[in-house]
Amino acid sequence: MSFVLDASVTASWFLPDENDRDAWEAWRRSETEDVWVPLHWWFEVRNTMLMGERRNRISRALTSHALDRLSVLPITVEARPDGGAVFDLARRHGLTFYDAVYLELAQRRKTALATLDSALIAAARTERVPLVKAL
């Protein structure tokens, strides 16, 4: 089994003021399943942590610890999406191009998507892409 991980779930793992059952299910699954992310996930996660620091949601030390933890997870970065398919998904569902990349990757890999983004969840359901959900 495998799944596509988005930045909202990743950030939820490390931001002290967030606690989501579906995010923790993705964490549990990441221990035994292949995890896929698009290239921009790397930047998006780091930007979220930086913004969290600026808003006093996370300390620099916790950001450093979080990035160390992420560096040892078996995450595979997919460098290039199918641009035409991403545009189609973004237009059809009113998603940002960045969010549509996660959906396109899950579709192409025929795997589940781990996200906390409500628009992306709705689009995944419409596209019949399974979601990582807590039991």
Foldseek 3Di string as FASTA:
>chain_A
DEEEEALQLLLLVQQPVHDDQLSVLVVVVLVPHEYEYEPCRVVSNLVVVVVCCVVVRDPPVSSVVSVVVVVPGNYDYDYDFPQVQLVVLCVVQVHDSNLSRRVRVLVVVVAEYEDPDPSSVVSCVVVVHHYRGHD
